[in-house]
Amino acid sequence: MKIQKSSRTGRGKIQKYGIYFLLFTVYCLLSTDSAHAMHISEGILPFNWAAFWFAIAIPFVAYGLWRVKVLSKSDLSFKPLVGLMAAVVFIISCMPIPVPTAGTCSHPAGTGISGILVGPTISILVTAVALLIQALFLAHGGLSTWGADIVSMGVMGSFAGYLTFRGLRALKANLWIAGFMAGLFADWATYLTTSVELASGIRGDSPFMPLFWKILIAFIPTQLPLGILEGAMTAGMVVLLYKKRPDLLVKMKVLKPEEAIS
C-alpha cells in the first residue's frame, strides 16, 4: 500500500509540475509586448558583420544550386520536390511567436525535415529561397541580413537536423526518435547561431559572452517548447511518409530498399 501511495504521489508531482511549466510558458508567450521582427531584421547588423555572414552563406547556396542542377538531370521529379520542400519551410517558418522582453519573434524552422529529405546542401538553398520571399513580401527578416539568416536557419539548422538523423539511424534508432531529435536539434541550433550572430553584431565594445547569454536566455521560454513541437512535427512527417510513400524515402536515400514497407 505504501509503494502504491508513493507511486501515486510521484505521478501527482510530475503532473503538477507539468501544469506549472505549461502555464509559465503560456504566460511568457502572452505577456510580452508586440513583436517587432522575425528572423534578424533589416538594419540590425553592422555592414561588416552582414557582409561576413553573406560571405559564408553564398558558397553554400551556390553549391545547392549546382546540386539541384545535377540531380534534376537524372530525375525530372526532383525539382518539383525541391519546390515542395521550399513551400514547407516557408509555411513552417512563417509562424511567429513573440519572444518575452526581446522585441523579436521565435518561430519553427522546418529545416529538420528538409535536411532529412533532400540533404543539407539543398535544404540550405530551399531555406534561402523561403527567407528571400519572406523578406521581400512579408517584411520577415531583411535583405542586408539575408546572409546571416541563411547561416543560422539554413546552414546550421539543415546540417544539425541531417547529421542528427543520420547519426541516430546509424545507431539503430527508429524513425520516430531519429526524426524527433533531428527536428529538435535543427530548431535549437538555429537559435543558438542566431544568438551568436546578434551578440557579435550589436555588442559594440561590450564583452561578447554576457550579451550572448542574455539573448540566448531570452529565446528559451519560446524556443524550448517550440523545439519540442518541431521535433514531434518532423517525426510525424517522416513516419507518415514511411507508412504512405516509403518509395519516396528510398528514392531520397532516407531508407534502404530493404527497410521500406512492402
Protein backbone atom coordinates (compact mmCIF):
# COMPACT_ATOMS: atom_id res chain seq x y z
CA MET A 1 0.00 0.00 0.00
CA LYS A 2 2.85 2.40 0.83
CA ILE A 3 4.51 1.66 -2.51
CA GLN A 4 1.28 2.37 -4.39
CA LYS A 5 0.74 5.56 -2.43
CA SER A 6 4.30 6.71 -3.12
CA SER A 7 3.88 5.96 -6.83
CA ARG A 8 0.66 7.94 -6.97
CA THR A 9 2.29 10.83 -5.12
CA GLY A 10 5.20 10.84 -7.59
CA ARG A 11 2.88 10.89 -10.59
CA GLY A 12 0.87 13.66 -8.95
CA LYS A 13 4.00 15.79 -8.52
CA ILE A 14 5.06 15.23 -12.14
CA GLN A 15 1.59 16.23 -13.37
CA LYS A 16 1.57 19.29 -11.08
CA TYR A 17 4.98 20.50 -12.26
CA GLY A 18 3.99 19.81 -15.87
CA ILE A 19 0.93 22.02 -15.45
CA TYR A 20 3.07 24.74 -13.83
CA PHE A 21 5.54 24.62 -16.72
CA LEU A 22 2.72 24.79 -19.28
CA LEU A 23 1.13 27.77 -17.52
CA PHE A 24 4.51 29.52 -17.27
CA THR A 25 5.12 29.01 -20.98
CA VAL A 26 1.67 30.34 -21.90
CA TYR A 27 2.24 33.33 -19.62
CA CYS A 28 5.57 34.09 -21.29
CA LEU A 29 4.01 33.88 -24.73
CA LEU A 30 1.06 36.10 -23.89
CA SER A 31 2.58 38.69 -21.56
CA THR A 32 5.16 40.11 -23.98
CA ASP A 33 4.85 43.32 -25.93
CA SER A 34 4.10 43.26 -29.63
CA ALA A 35 6.92 41.68 -31.60
CA HIS A 36 8.88 43.85 -33.98
CA ALA A 37 10.57 41.38 -36.30
CA MET A 38 11.05 37.81 -37.40
CA HIS A 39 14.46 36.37 -38.23
CA ILE A 40 17.17 39.05 -37.98
CA SER A 41 15.52 42.19 -39.27
CA GLU A 42 16.85 44.86 -41.62
CA GLY A 43 19.48 47.18 -40.16
CA ILE A 44 20.21 45.16 -37.02
CA LEU A 45 23.69 44.05 -38.08
CA PRO A 46 26.50 46.47 -38.97
CA PHE A 47 27.73 46.34 -42.57
CA ASN A 48 30.91 44.41 -41.78
CA TRP A 49 29.04 41.66 -39.94
CA ALA A 50 26.29 41.48 -42.58
CA ALA A 51 28.99 41.11 -45.26
CA PHE A 52 30.76 38.46 -43.20
CA TRP A 53 27.67 36.26 -42.96
CA PHE A 54 26.95 36.77 -46.66
CA ALA A 55 30.48 35.55 -47.46
CA ILE A 56 29.78 32.37 -45.50
CA ALA A 57 26.30 31.80 -46.93
CA ILE A 58 26.94 32.37 -50.66
CA PRO A 59 29.15 29.29 -51.28
CA PHE A 60 26.56 27.04 -49.62
CA VAL A 61 23.74 28.48 -51.74
CA ALA A 62 25.81 28.22 -54.93
CA TYR A 63 26.65 24.60 -54.20
CA GLY A 64 23.00 23.88 -53.52
CA LEU A 65 22.06 25.33 -56.92
CA TRP A 66 24.68 23.17 -58.59
CA ARG A 67 23.42 20.06 -56.79
CA VAL A 68 19.84 20.70 -57.90
CA LYS A 69 21.02 21.12 -61.50
CA VAL A 70 22.98 17.87 -61.40
CA LEU A 71 20.30 15.77 -59.71
CA SER A 72 17.44 17.11 -61.82
CA LYS A 73 19.19 15.93 -64.99
CA SER A 74 18.77 12.31 -63.95
CA ASP A 75 15.42 12.76 -62.21
CA LEU A 76 12.81 15.11 -63.66
CA SER A 77 10.71 14.90 -60.50
CA PHE A 78 13.48 16.28 -58.31
CA LYS A 79 12.85 19.98 -59.00
CA PRO A 80 9.15 19.74 -58.04
CA LEU A 81 10.20 18.01 -54.83
CA VAL A 82 12.64 20.83 -54.05
CA GLY A 83 9.86 23.34 -54.75
CA LEU A 84 7.55 21.46 -52.39
CA MET A 85 10.18 21.50 -49.65
CA ALA A 86 10.66 25.25 -50.16
CA ALA A 87 6.92 25.71 -49.65
CA VAL A 88 7.02 23.55 -46.49
CA VAL A 89 9.91 25.53 -44.99
CA PHE A 90 8.26 28.82 -45.98
CA ILE A 91 4.97 27.92 -44.29
CA ILE A 92 6.51 26.41 -41.14
CA SER A 93 8.89 29.34 -40.61
CA CYS A 94 6.04 31.86 -41.03
CA MET A 95 4.55 31.02 -37.62
CA PRO A 96 5.73 33.86 -35.34
CA ILE A 97 5.75 33.51 -31.55
CA PRO A 98 6.68 36.70 -29.60
CA VAL A 99 9.86 36.44 -27.51
CA PRO A 100 9.36 37.84 -23.98
CA THR A 101 11.20 41.16 -23.38
CA ALA A 102 13.29 40.84 -26.57
CA GLY A 103 11.15 42.71 -29.09
CA THR A 104 11.52 39.94 -31.67
CA CYS A 105 9.93 36.61 -32.61
CA SER A 106 10.63 32.92 -32.36
CA HIS A 107 9.32 30.52 -34.95
CA PRO A 108 9.73 26.91 -36.07
CA ALA A 109 12.37 26.47 -38.77
CA GLY A 110 11.32 23.46 -40.86
CA THR A 111 14.90 22.68 -41.82
CA GLY A 112 14.90 19.41 -39.91
CA ILE A 113 12.52 17.76 -42.37
CA SER A 114 14.08 19.40 -45.44
CA GLY A 115 17.57 18.38 -44.33
CA ILE A 116 16.40 14.78 -43.90
CA LEU A 117 14.56 14.52 -47.23
CA VAL A 118 16.71 16.49 -49.69
CA GLY A 119 20.02 16.66 -47.84
CA PRO A 120 21.61 19.63 -46.06
CA THR A 121 23.12 21.41 -49.06
CA ILE A 122 19.85 21.55 -50.99
CA SER A 123 17.99 22.33 -47.77
CA ILE A 124 20.16 25.44 -47.48
CA LEU A 125 19.05 26.54 -50.96
CA VAL A 126 15.41 25.82 -50.03
CA THR A 127 15.79 27.92 -46.89
CA ALA A 128 17.45 30.77 -48.78
CA VAL A 129 14.51 30.95 -51.19
CA ALA A 130 11.96 30.87 -48.36
CA LEU A 131 13.83 33.60 -46.45
CA LEU A 132 14.13 35.81 -49.54
CA ILE A 133 10.39 35.63 -50.24
CA GLN A 134 9.61 36.39 -46.59
CA ALA A 135 11.97 39.38 -46.59
CA LEU A 136 10.61 40.80 -49.85
CA PHE A 137 6.89 40.30 -49.32
CA LEU A 138 6.27 39.79 -45.60
CA ALA A 139 8.94 42.01 -44.01
CA HIS A 140 10.22 38.96 -42.10
CA GLY A 141 13.96 39.39 -41.86
CA GLY A 142 15.81 41.69 -44.22
CA LEU A 143 17.91 41.76 -47.37
CA SER A 144 21.01 43.04 -45.58
CA THR A 145 20.66 40.25 -43.00
CA TRP A 146 19.69 37.57 -45.52
CA GLY A 147 23.15 36.00 -45.31
CA ALA A 148 23.04 35.79 -41.52
CA ASP A 149 19.55 34.29 -41.60
CA ILE A 150 20.69 31.71 -44.18
CA VAL A 151 23.64 30.71 -41.99
CA SER A 152 21.57 30.31 -38.81
CA MET A 153 18.42 28.71 -40.20
CA GLY A 154 19.74 27.15 -43.41
CA VAL A 155 23.31 26.06 -42.79
CA MET A 156 23.23 25.28 -39.07
CA GLY A 157 19.63 24.08 -38.97
CA SER A 158 19.93 21.82 -42.02
CA PHE A 159 23.22 20.22 -41.03
CA ALA A 160 22.13 19.78 -37.40
CA GLY A 161 18.94 18.02 -38.49
CA TYR A 162 20.62 15.90 -41.16
CA LEU A 163 23.59 14.78 -39.05
CA THR A 164 21.41 14.04 -36.03
CA PHE A 165 19.03 11.91 -38.11
CA ARG A 166 21.82 10.02 -39.88
CA GLY A 167 23.76 9.50 -36.68
CA LEU A 168 20.80 8.11 -34.77
CA ARG A 169 19.78 5.87 -37.67
CA ALA A 170 23.34 4.51 -37.77
CA LEU A 171 22.87 3.68 -34.08
CA LYS A 172 19.67 1.76 -34.99
CA ALA A 173 17.24 4.34 -33.59
CA ASN A 174 13.74 4.06 -35.05
CA LEU A 175 12.38 6.65 -37.47
CA TRP A 176 10.28 8.46 -34.87
CA ILE A 177 13.13 9.01 -32.42
CA ALA A 178 15.60 9.98 -35.15
CA GLY A 179 13.09 12.37 -36.72
CA PHE A 180 12.16 13.90 -33.38
CA MET A 181 15.75 14.58 -32.35
CA ALA A 182 16.58 15.89 -35.83
CA GLY A 183 13.75 18.44 -35.69
CA LEU A 184 14.62 19.39 -32.12
CA PHE A 185 18.33 19.96 -32.75
CA ALA A 186 17.71 21.73 -36.08
CA ASP A 187 15.48 24.22 -34.28
CA TRP A 188 17.78 24.75 -31.31
CA ALA A 189 20.91 25.01 -33.49
CA THR A 190 19.20 27.78 -35.45
CA TYR A 191 18.60 29.90 -32.36
CA LEU A 192 21.98 29.17 -30.83
CA THR A 193 23.56 30.52 -34.03
CA THR A 194 21.17 33.48 -34.14
CA SER A 195 22.26 34.38 -30.61
CA VAL A 196 25.90 34.30 -31.73
CA GLU A 197 25.13 36.48 -34.76
CA LEU A 198 23.18 39.06 -32.78
CA ALA A 199 25.67 39.24 -29.93
CA SER A 200 28.58 39.60 -32.36
CA GLY A 201 26.90 42.31 -34.38
CA ILE A 202 25.36 44.57 -31.73
CA ARG A 203 27.78 44.28 -28.81
CA GLY A 204 29.97 47.24 -29.85
CA ASP A 205 32.76 47.49 -27.27
CA SER A 206 30.92 45.34 -24.73
CA PRO A 207 32.05 41.78 -23.92
CA PHE A 208 30.60 39.09 -26.16
CA MET A 209 29.62 36.38 -23.68
CA PRO A 210 27.32 38.35 -21.32
CA LEU A 211 25.28 39.64 -24.26
CA PHE A 212 25.24 36.21 -25.91
CA TRP A 213 23.79 34.61 -22.77
CA LYS A 214 21.18 37.37 -22.40
CA ILE A 215 19.96 36.83 -25.96
CA LEU A 216 20.02 33.04 -25.69
CA ILE A 217 18.13 33.06 -22.38
CA ALA A 218 15.52 35.41 -23.91
CA PHE A 219 14.78 32.76 -26.55
CA ILE A 220 14.40 29.87 -24.08
CA PRO A 221 10.75 30.40 -22.93
CA THR A 222 9.50 30.20 -26.51
CA GLN A 223 12.12 28.10 -28.27
CA LEU A 224 12.24 25.31 -25.70
CA PRO A 225 8.62 24.24 -26.31
CA LEU A 226 8.81 25.19 -30.00
CA GLY A 227 11.81 22.92 -30.47
CA ILE A 228 9.93 20.04 -28.87
CA LEU A 229 6.92 20.79 -31.07
CA GLU A 230 9.10 20.89 -34.18
CA GLY A 231 10.72 17.61 -33.19
CA ALA A 232 7.30 15.95 -32.93
CA MET A 233 6.22 17.51 -36.23
CA THR A 234 9.35 16.32 -38.03
CA ALA A 235 9.00 12.81 -36.61
CA GLY A 236 5.35 12.75 -37.63
CA MET A 237 6.16 13.73 -41.21
CA VAL A 238 8.87 11.10 -41.54
CA VAL A 239 6.69 8.34 -40.09
CA LEU A 240 3.74 9.37 -42.27
CA LEU A 241 5.91 9.17 -45.39
CA TYR A 242 7.19 5.80 -44.22
CA LYS A 243 3.62 4.50 -43.97
CA LYS A 244 2.18 6.15 -47.08
CA ARG A 245 5.09 6.64 -49.50
CA PRO A 246 8.13 4.60 -48.43
CA ASP A 247 9.29 4.66 -52.04
CA LEU A 248 9.98 8.40 -51.68
CA LEU A 249 12.15 7.78 -48.63
CA VAL A 250 14.07 5.13 -50.55
CA LYS A 251 14.41 7.45 -53.53
CA MET A 252 15.78 10.25 -51.32
CA LYS A 253 18.13 7.72 -49.66
CA VAL A 254 16.49 8.22 -46.28
CA LEU A 255 15.77 4.47 -46.16
CA LYS A 256 17.46 1.47 -47.67
CA PRO A 257 15.23 -0.56 -50.03
CA GLU A 258 15.02 -3.44 -47.57
CA GLU A 259 13.76 -1.06 -44.86
CA ALA A 260 10.75 0.10 -46.87
CA ILE A 261 7.28 -1.27 -46.12
CA SER A 262 6.35 -3.89 -48.69
